[in-house]
């Protein structure tokens, strides 16, 4: 097989992590910084998808006097989360790295626990989702110093948008617990 016709396969580091393929990327961010940012974004992707799945689960299984309010709120929130995973994954790809996309990866990368196997009562659902949104906000915020140091404005913009969404969602959910 000639060199021209050989297909490049993603290389793996000594630790088994995927590294960028063959085409060099020169966007003004070092390869080391791009790798670290992509790693942080993969954690954000895992957190976002895990929270999406939990929120959708709660939408299906909520019961009680707040059913209509929570059913509608959870739908709005899981729809927003679903729409967030693609821009996060695409930013990882733009940095030259693979976006994680398996439950196994998400289990390893996410700071959130999986949804309970037995649906909790409505108020416990709210508490779990507050904690989930706060955790995703922390994951996004933890990545900011590196993104800022690397002058990665597109990722900074993405993180700012995610922080706004998660902090607002946590506040709205917390408001339901007062009283």
C-alpha atoms as a PDB file:
ATOM      1  CA  UNK A   1       0.000   0.000   0.000  1.00  0.00           C
ATOM      2  CA  UNK A   2       1.429   3.377  -0.953  1.00  0.00           C
ATOM      3  CA  UNK A   3       1.824   6.172   1.571  1.00  0.00           C
ATOM      4  CA  UNK A   4      -0.680   8.210  -0.436  1.00  0.00           C
ATOM      5  CA  UNK A   5      -3.459   5.640  -0.117  1.00  0.00           C
ATOM      6  CA  UNK A   6      -2.857   4.696   3.521  1.00  0.00           C
ATOM      7  CA  UNK A   7      -5.560   5.972   5.850  1.00  0.00           C
ATOM      8  CA  UNK A   8      -4.399   7.788   8.961  1.00  0.00           C
ATOM      9  CA  UNK A   9      -5.673   6.274  12.187  1.00  0.00           C
ATOM     10  CA  UNK A  10      -5.911   8.259  15.393  1.00  0.00           C
ATOM     11  CA  UNK A  11      -2.819   7.716  17.498  1.00  0.00           C
ATOM     12  CA  UNK A  12      -2.998   6.853  21.178  1.00  0.00           C
ATOM     13  CA  UNK A  13      -0.744   8.269  23.841  1.00  0.00           C
ATOM     14  CA  UNK A  14       1.069   6.061  26.317  1.00  0.00           C
ATOM     15  CA  UNK A  15      -1.916   6.563  28.651  1.00  0.00           C
ATOM     16  CA  UNK A  16      -4.322   5.426  25.922  1.00  0.00           C
ATOM     17  CA  UNK A  17      -5.840   8.853  25.287  1.00  0.00           C
ATOM     18  CA  UNK A  18      -6.627   9.783  21.727  1.00  0.00           C
ATOM     19  CA  UNK A  19      -4.362  12.409  20.241  1.00  0.00           C
ATOM     20  CA  UNK A  20      -4.990  14.492  17.142  1.00  0.00           C
ATOM     21  CA  UNK A  21      -4.537  12.790  13.796  1.00  0.00           C
ATOM     22  CA  UNK A  22      -2.141  13.943  11.140  1.00  0.00           C
ATOM     23  CA  UNK A  23      -3.166  17.363   9.870  1.00  0.00           C
ATOM     24  CA  UNK A  24      -1.401  20.137  11.784  1.00  0.00           C
ATOM     25  CA  UNK A  25      -3.583  22.800  13.369  1.00  0.00           C
ATOM     26  CA  UNK A  26      -2.301  26.357  13.674  1.00  0.00           C
ATOM     27  CA  UNK A  27      -5.047  28.514  15.221  1.00  0.00           C
ATOM     28  CA  UNK A  28      -2.808  30.370  17.667  1.00  0.00           C
ATOM     29  CA  UNK A  29      -3.346  27.951  20.551  1.00  0.00           C
ATOM     30  CA  UNK A  30      -0.575  25.485  21.359  1.00  0.00           C
ATOM     31  CA  UNK A  31      -1.209  21.768  20.916  1.00  0.00           C
ATOM     32  CA  UNK A  32      -0.712  21.290  24.666  1.00  0.00           C
ATOM     33  CA  UNK A  33      -3.332  23.927  25.507  1.00  0.00           C
ATOM     34  CA  UNK A  34      -5.743  22.616  22.864  1.00  0.00           C
ATOM     35  CA  UNK A  35      -5.431  19.117  24.340  1.00  0.00           C
ATOM     36  CA  UNK A  36      -6.056  20.348  27.882  1.00  0.00           C
ATOM     37  CA  UNK A  37      -9.025  22.470  26.784  1.00  0.00           C
ATOM     38  CA  UNK A  38     -10.485  19.561  24.790  1.00  0.00           C
ATOM     39  CA  UNK A  39     -10.103  17.324  27.854  1.00  0.00           C
ATOM     40  CA  UNK A  40     -11.981  19.875  29.963  1.00  0.00           C
ATOM     41  CA  UNK A  41     -14.658  20.265  27.300  1.00  0.00           C
ATOM     42  CA  UNK A  42     -15.110  16.483  27.174  1.00  0.00           C
ATOM     43  CA  UNK A  43     -15.808  16.607  30.932  1.00  0.00           C
ATOM     44  CA  UNK A  44     -18.320  19.411  30.294  1.00  0.00           C
ATOM     45  CA  UNK A  45     -19.884  17.337  27.508  1.00  0.00           C
ATOM     46  CA  UNK A  46     -20.172  14.327  29.837  1.00  0.00           C
ATOM     47  CA  UNK A  47     -21.718  16.447  32.591  1.00  0.00           C
ATOM     48  CA  UNK A  48     -24.151  18.071  30.162  1.00  0.00           C
ATOM     49  CA  UNK A  49     -25.266  14.762  28.677  1.00  0.00           C
ATOM     50  CA  UNK A  50     -25.622  13.144  32.100  1.00  0.00           C
ATOM     51  CA  UNK A  51     -27.736  16.066  33.319  1.00  0.00           C
ATOM     52  CA  UNK A  52     -29.780  15.905  30.105  1.00  0.00           C
ATOM     53  CA  UNK A  53     -30.523  12.232  30.688  1.00  0.00           C
ATOM     54  CA  UNK A  54     -31.458  12.762  34.342  1.00  0.00           C
ATOM     55  CA  UNK A  55     -33.698  15.715  33.492  1.00  0.00           C
ATOM     56  CA  UNK A  56     -35.450  13.776  30.724  1.00  0.00           C
ATOM     57  CA  UNK A  57     -35.922  10.834  33.103  1.00  0.00           C
ATOM     58  CA  UNK A  58     -37.520  13.150  35.669  1.00  0.00           C
ATOM     59  CA  UNK A  59     -39.763  14.683  33.000  1.00  0.00           C
ATOM     60  CA  UNK A  60     -41.124  11.214  32.262  1.00  0.00           C
ATOM     61  CA  UNK A  61     -41.498  10.162  35.878  1.00  0.00           C
ATOM     62  CA  UNK A  62     -42.551  13.237  37.860  1.00  0.00           C
ATOM     63  CA  UNK A  63     -45.803  12.917  39.848  1.00  0.00           C
ATOM     64  CA  UNK A  64     -47.660  14.888  42.483  1.00  0.00           C
ATOM     65  CA  UNK A  65     -49.275  18.301  42.894  1.00  0.00           C
ATOM     66  CA  UNK A  66     -46.513  20.102  40.941  1.00  0.00           C
ATOM     67  CA  UNK A  67     -46.749  17.656  38.030  1.00  0.00           C
ATOM     68  CA  UNK A  68     -47.729  20.122  35.297  1.00  0.00           C
ATOM     69  CA  UNK A  69     -45.249  22.807  36.365  1.00  0.00           C
ATOM     70  CA  UNK A  70     -42.349  20.380  36.706  1.00  0.00           C
ATOM     71  CA  UNK A  71     -43.217  18.321  33.629  1.00  0.00           C
ATOM     72  CA  UNK A  72     -43.123  21.514  31.539  1.00  0.00           C
ATOM     73  CA  UNK A  73     -40.035  22.952  33.265  1.00  0.00           C
ATOM     74  CA  UNK A  74     -38.099  19.701  32.922  1.00  0.00           C
ATOM     75  CA  UNK A  75     -38.979  19.542  29.209  1.00  0.00           C
ATOM     76  CA  UNK A  76     -37.667  23.060  28.665  1.00  0.00           C
ATOM     77  CA  UNK A  77     -34.494  22.200  30.552  1.00  0.00           C
ATOM     78  CA  UNK A  78     -33.779  18.875  28.863  1.00  0.00           C
ATOM     79  CA  UNK A  79     -34.420  20.451  25.447  1.00  0.00           C
ATOM     80  CA  UNK A  80     -31.885  23.185  26.232  1.00  0.00           C
ATOM     81  CA  UNK A  81     -29.370  20.593  27.443  1.00  0.00           C
ATOM     82  CA  UNK A  82     -29.877  18.463  24.326  1.00  0.00           C
ATOM     83  CA  UNK A  83     -29.221  21.521  22.159  1.00  0.00           C
ATOM     84  CA  UNK A  84     -26.043  22.265  24.138  1.00  0.00           C
ATOM     85  CA  UNK A  85     -24.209  18.989  23.546  1.00  0.00           C
ATOM     86  CA  UNK A  86     -23.585  19.606  19.844  1.00  0.00           C
ATOM     87  CA  UNK A  87     -21.816  22.983  20.195  1.00  0.00           C
ATOM     88  CA  UNK A  88     -19.628  21.566  22.970  1.00  0.00           C
ATOM     89  CA  UNK A  89     -18.688  18.523  20.870  1.00  0.00           C
ATOM     90  CA  UNK A  90     -18.080  20.677  17.792  1.00  0.00           C
ATOM     91  CA  UNK A  91     -15.734  22.952  19.749  1.00  0.00           C
ATOM     92  CA  UNK A  92     -13.739  19.888  20.829  1.00  0.00           C
ATOM     93  CA  UNK A  93     -13.509  18.842  17.176  1.00  0.00           C
ATOM     94  CA  UNK A  94     -12.483  22.368  16.108  1.00  0.00           C
ATOM     95  CA  UNK A  95      -9.607  22.108  18.574  1.00  0.00           C
ATOM     96  CA  UNK A  96      -8.526  18.919  16.789  1.00  0.00           C
ATOM     97  CA  UNK A  97      -9.606  16.205  19.202  1.00  0.00           C
ATOM     98  CA  UNK A  98     -12.329  13.559  19.287  1.00  0.00           C
ATOM     99  CA  UNK A  99     -15.479  14.313  21.242  1.00  0.00           C
ATOM    100  CA  UNK A 100     -16.443  11.626  23.735  1.00  0.00           C
ATOM    101  CA  UNK A 101     -19.719   9.954  22.901  1.00  0.00           C
ATOM    102  CA  UNK A 102     -20.185   6.743  24.838  1.00  0.00           C
ATOM    103  CA  UNK A 103     -21.865   5.991  28.136  1.00  0.00           C
ATOM    104  CA  UNK A 104     -18.592   4.423  29.272  1.00  0.00           C
ATOM    105  CA  UNK A 105     -16.722   7.670  28.562  1.00  0.00           C
ATOM    106  CA  UNK A 106     -19.416   9.768  30.207  1.00  0.00           C
ATOM    107  CA  UNK A 107     -19.383   7.563  33.311  1.00  0.00           C
ATOM    108  CA  UNK A 108     -15.629   8.130  33.647  1.00  0.00           C
ATOM    109  CA  UNK A 109     -15.666  11.834  32.786  1.00  0.00           C
ATOM    110  CA  UNK A 110     -18.810  13.173  34.426  1.00  0.00           C
ATOM    111  CA  UNK A 111     -18.804  14.732  37.881  1.00  0.00           C
ATOM    112  CA  UNK A 112     -22.532  13.918  38.162  1.00  0.00           C
ATOM    113  CA  UNK A 113     -23.969  10.642  39.383  1.00  0.00           C
ATOM    114  CA  UNK A 114     -26.287   8.667  37.134  1.00  0.00           C
ATOM    115  CA  UNK A 115     -30.034   9.192  37.536  1.00  0.00           C
ATOM    116  CA  UNK A 116     -31.567   7.160  40.357  1.00  0.00           C
ATOM    117  CA  UNK A 117     -32.930   3.801  39.224  1.00  0.00           C
ATOM    118  CA  UNK A 118     -36.139   4.418  41.200  1.00  0.00           C
ATOM    119  CA  UNK A 119     -37.757   7.771  40.403  1.00  0.00           C
ATOM    120  CA  UNK A 120     -37.601   9.982  43.501  1.00  0.00           C
ATOM    121  CA  UNK A 121     -40.407  12.220  44.726  1.00  0.00           C
ATOM    122  CA  UNK A 122     -40.770  15.588  42.984  1.00  0.00           C
ATOM    123  CA  UNK A 123     -38.921  17.637  45.613  1.00  0.00           C
ATOM    124  CA  UNK A 124     -35.980  15.220  45.563  1.00  0.00           C
ATOM    125  CA  UNK A 125     -35.923  15.474  41.751  1.00  0.00           C
ATOM    126  CA  UNK A 126     -35.612  19.231  42.115  1.00  0.00           C
ATOM    127  CA  UNK A 127     -32.766  18.890  44.651  1.00  0.00           C
ATOM    128  CA  UNK A 128     -30.916  16.466  42.360  1.00  0.00           C
ATOM    129  CA  UNK A 129     -31.284  18.814  39.402  1.00  0.00           C
ATOM    130  CA  UNK A 130     -30.122  21.836  41.429  1.00  0.00           C
ATOM    131  CA  UNK A 131     -26.995  19.893  42.402  1.00  0.00           C
ATOM    132  CA  UNK A 132     -26.539  18.798  38.775  1.00  0.00           C
ATOM    133  CA  UNK A 133     -26.750  22.316  37.346  1.00  0.00           C
ATOM    134  CA  UNK A 134     -24.383  23.607  40.014  1.00  0.00           C
ATOM    135  CA  UNK A 135     -21.915  20.797  39.236  1.00  0.00           C
ATOM    136  CA  UNK A 136     -21.992  21.552  35.504  1.00  0.00           C
ATOM    137  CA  UNK A 137     -21.407  25.231  36.280  1.00  0.00           C
ATOM    138  CA  UNK A 138     -18.361  24.287  38.391  1.00  0.00           C
ATOM    139  CA  UNK A 139     -17.006  22.116  35.565  1.00  0.00           C
ATOM    140  CA  UNK A 140     -17.345  25.008  33.116  1.00  0.00           C
ATOM    141  CA  UNK A 141     -15.871  27.521  35.569  1.00  0.00           C
ATOM    142  CA  UNK A 142     -12.883  25.266  36.375  1.00  0.00           C
ATOM    143  CA  UNK A 143     -11.883  25.339  32.698  1.00  0.00           C
ATOM    144  CA  UNK A 144     -11.934  29.146  32.455  1.00  0.00           C
ATOM    145  CA  UNK A 145      -8.378  29.906  33.695  1.00  0.00           C
ATOM    146  CA  UNK A 146      -6.803  27.672  31.044  1.00  0.00           C
ATOM    147  CA  UNK A 147      -9.110  28.988  28.307  1.00  0.00           C
ATOM    148  CA  UNK A 148      -8.327  32.571  29.328  1.00  0.00           C
ATOM    149  CA  UNK A 149      -4.572  31.925  29.487  1.00  0.00           C
ATOM    150  CA  UNK A 150      -4.689  30.362  25.993  1.00  0.00           C
ATOM    151  CA  UNK A 151      -6.723  33.295  24.582  1.00  0.00           C
ATOM    152  CA  UNK A 152      -9.351  30.805  23.401  1.00  0.00           C
ATOM    153  CA  UNK A 153     -12.207  33.257  22.953  1.00  0.00           C
ATOM    154  CA  UNK A 154     -14.634  30.840  21.227  1.00  0.00           C
ATOM    155  CA  UNK A 155     -14.388  28.400  24.132  1.00  0.00           C
ATOM    156  CA  UNK A 156     -14.636  31.271  26.646  1.00  0.00           C
ATOM    157  CA  UNK A 157     -17.837  32.404  24.918  1.00  0.00           C
ATOM    158  CA  UNK A 158     -19.234  28.864  25.009  1.00  0.00           C
ATOM    159  CA  UNK A 159     -18.383  28.536  28.708  1.00  0.00           C
ATOM    160  CA  UNK A 160     -19.972  31.899  29.504  1.00  0.00           C
ATOM    161  CA  UNK A 161     -23.181  30.825  27.776  1.00  0.00           C
ATOM    162  CA  UNK A 162     -23.233  27.503  29.637  1.00  0.00           C
ATOM    163  CA  UNK A 163     -22.592  29.175  32.983  1.00  0.00           C
ATOM    164  CA  UNK A 164     -25.493  31.559  32.436  1.00  0.00           C
ATOM    165  CA  UNK A 165     -27.862  28.694  31.582  1.00  0.00           C
ATOM    166  CA  UNK A 166     -26.846  26.451  34.486  1.00  0.00           C
ATOM    167  CA  UNK A 167     -26.750  29.151  37.135  1.00  0.00           C
ATOM    168  CA  UNK A 168     -30.184  30.418  36.059  1.00  0.00           C
ATOM    169  CA  UNK A 169     -31.667  26.903  35.956  1.00  0.00           C
ATOM    170  CA  UNK A 170     -30.287  26.143  39.437  1.00  0.00           C
ATOM    171  CA  UNK A 171     -31.770  29.391  40.780  1.00  0.00           C
ATOM    172  CA  UNK A 172     -35.192  28.657  39.263  1.00  0.00           C
ATOM    173  CA  UNK A 173     -35.186  25.120  40.658  1.00  0.00           C
ATOM    174  CA  UNK A 174     -33.989  26.295  44.092  1.00  0.00           C
ATOM    175  CA  UNK A 175     -36.878  28.782  44.131  1.00  0.00           C
ATOM    176  CA  UNK A 176     -39.301  25.853  44.023  1.00  0.00           C
ATOM    177  CA  UNK A 177     -37.783  24.476  47.229  1.00  0.00           C
ATOM    178  CA  UNK A 178     -38.381  27.630  49.272  1.00  0.00           C
ATOM    179  CA  UNK A 179     -41.495  28.168  51.263  1.00  0.00           C
END
